[in-house]
Amino acid sequence: MWFVIFAEDHENSLEGRKQARPAHLERLKALQNDGRLLVAGPCPAIAELDPGVLGFTGSVVIAEFETLEEAEQWANDDPYWQAGVYKKATVKPFNAVLPN
């Protein structure tokens, strides 16, 4: 089943994001290579593709996992936690309806 993972950043987390980004992307690429990633990306602090020094307020990942617990564990193992980027993550089941 698909699950949406919405993680919220601590304020001023841009440097931690930069440091942990390679490891973060490696995990996402593994999901992609397994055909289990629908979409993933950051939420800019402003309505611009590159928010500059304002950074990001969080991240969204929609990926396939066997169970809610597996999705939660995957979210909790993200390198952004160890880097002090994330302050909260919410994981919920997701039904992809469109596009089909």
Protein backbone atom coordinates (compact mmCIF):
# COMPACT_ATOMS: atom_id res chain seq x y z
CA MET A 1 0.00 0.00 0.00
CA TRP A 2 1.04 3.59 -0.54
CA PHE A 3 1.84 5.77 2.47
CA VAL A 4 2.38 9.51 2.67
CA ILE A 5 5.14 10.67 4.98
CA PHE A 6 5.02 14.33 5.93
CA ALA A 7 7.99 15.48 7.98
CA GLU A 8 8.26 18.95 9.50
CA ASP A 9 11.61 20.70 9.92
CA HIS A 10 12.98 22.55 12.89
CA GLU A 11 13.58 26.21 12.15
CA ASN A 12 17.01 27.02 10.72
CA SER A 13 17.60 23.44 9.60
CA LEU A 14 19.12 24.25 6.19
CA GLU A 15 22.73 23.40 7.14
CA GLY A 16 21.68 20.06 8.61
CA ARG A 17 19.74 19.33 5.42
CA LYS A 18 22.78 20.08 3.29
CA GLN A 19 24.99 17.77 5.36
CA ALA A 20 22.55 14.84 5.49
CA ARG A 21 21.13 15.20 1.97
CA PRO A 22 23.36 12.61 0.22
CA ALA A 23 22.36 9.87 2.68
CA HIS A 24 18.71 11.01 2.56
CA LEU A 25 18.67 10.82 -1.25
CA GLU A 26 20.37 7.42 -1.23
CA ARG A 27 17.43 5.96 0.70
CA LEU A 28 14.93 7.56 -1.67
CA LYS A 29 16.81 6.23 -4.71
CA ALA A 30 16.67 2.74 -3.22
CA LEU A 31 12.87 3.02 -3.03
CA GLN A 32 12.81 4.35 -6.58
CA ASN A 33 14.99 1.50 -7.86
CA ASP A 34 12.58 -0.96 -6.23
CA GLY A 35 9.61 0.71 -7.97
CA ARG A 36 8.18 1.80 -4.60
CA LEU A 37 8.49 5.60 -4.83
CA LEU A 38 5.60 7.68 -6.19
CA VAL A 39 6.96 11.14 -5.35
CA ALA A 40 9.35 12.82 -2.92
CA GLY A 41 10.55 16.33 -2.31
CA PRO A 42 11.03 19.22 0.08
CA CYS A 43 8.55 21.96 1.00
CA PRO A 44 10.22 25.34 0.38
CA ALA A 45 9.72 28.04 3.02
CA ILE A 46 8.53 30.37 0.24
CA ALA A 47 6.78 29.79 -3.10
CA GLU A 48 10.02 29.44 -5.06
CA LEU A 49 11.88 26.37 -6.36
CA ASP A 50 15.02 27.67 -4.67
CA PRO A 51 14.14 29.34 -1.38
CA GLY A 52 17.77 30.36 -0.77
CA VAL A 53 18.72 30.93 2.86
CA LEU A 54 15.07 30.65 3.95
CA GLY A 55 15.36 26.91 3.38
CA PHE A 56 12.58 24.41 3.77
CA THR A 57 9.77 23.66 6.21
CA GLY A 58 9.56 19.93 5.68
CA SER A 59 9.45 17.04 3.24
CA VAL A 60 6.85 14.83 1.58
CA VAL A 61 7.41 11.23 0.51
CA ILE A 62 4.75 8.97 -0.97
CA ALA A 63 6.05 5.43 -1.14
CA GLU A 64 4.89 1.83 -1.01
CA PHE A 65 5.33 -0.27 2.13
CA GLU A 66 3.80 -3.53 3.34
CA THR A 67 2.46 -2.05 6.60
CA LEU A 68 2.02 1.24 8.42
CA GLU A 69 4.63 0.09 10.92
CA GLU A 70 7.17 -0.49 8.14
CA ALA A 71 6.47 2.98 6.72
CA GLU A 72 6.84 4.55 10.17
CA GLN A 73 10.12 2.73 10.79
CA TRP A 74 11.46 3.82 7.39
CA ALA A 75 10.49 7.44 8.18
CA ASN A 76 12.09 7.27 11.63
CA ASP A 77 15.37 5.97 10.18
CA ASP A 78 15.81 8.99 7.89
CA PRO A 79 19.24 10.68 8.20
CA TYR A 80 17.50 14.04 8.61
CA TRP A 81 16.51 12.95 12.15
CA GLN A 82 20.13 12.32 13.11
CA ALA A 83 21.10 15.67 11.57
CA GLY A 84 18.51 17.50 13.70
CA VAL A 85 16.46 18.58 10.66
CA TYR A 86 13.12 16.97 11.42
CA LYS A 87 11.03 17.77 14.48
CA LYS A 88 7.91 15.75 13.63
CA ALA A 89 6.77 13.17 11.09
CA THR A 90 3.29 11.97 10.25
CA VAL A 91 2.71 8.76 8.31
CA LYS A 92 -0.69 7.90 6.85
CA PRO A 93 -2.07 5.40 4.34
CA PHE A 94 -2.60 6.93 0.89
CA ASN A 95 -4.88 5.93 -1.98
CA ALA A 96 -3.51 7.05 -5.34
CA VAL A 97 -6.60 7.75 -7.48
CA LEU A 98 -5.37 10.09 -10.21
CA PRO A 99 -3.62 10.11 -12.53
CA ASN A 100 -4.20 6.49 -13.46
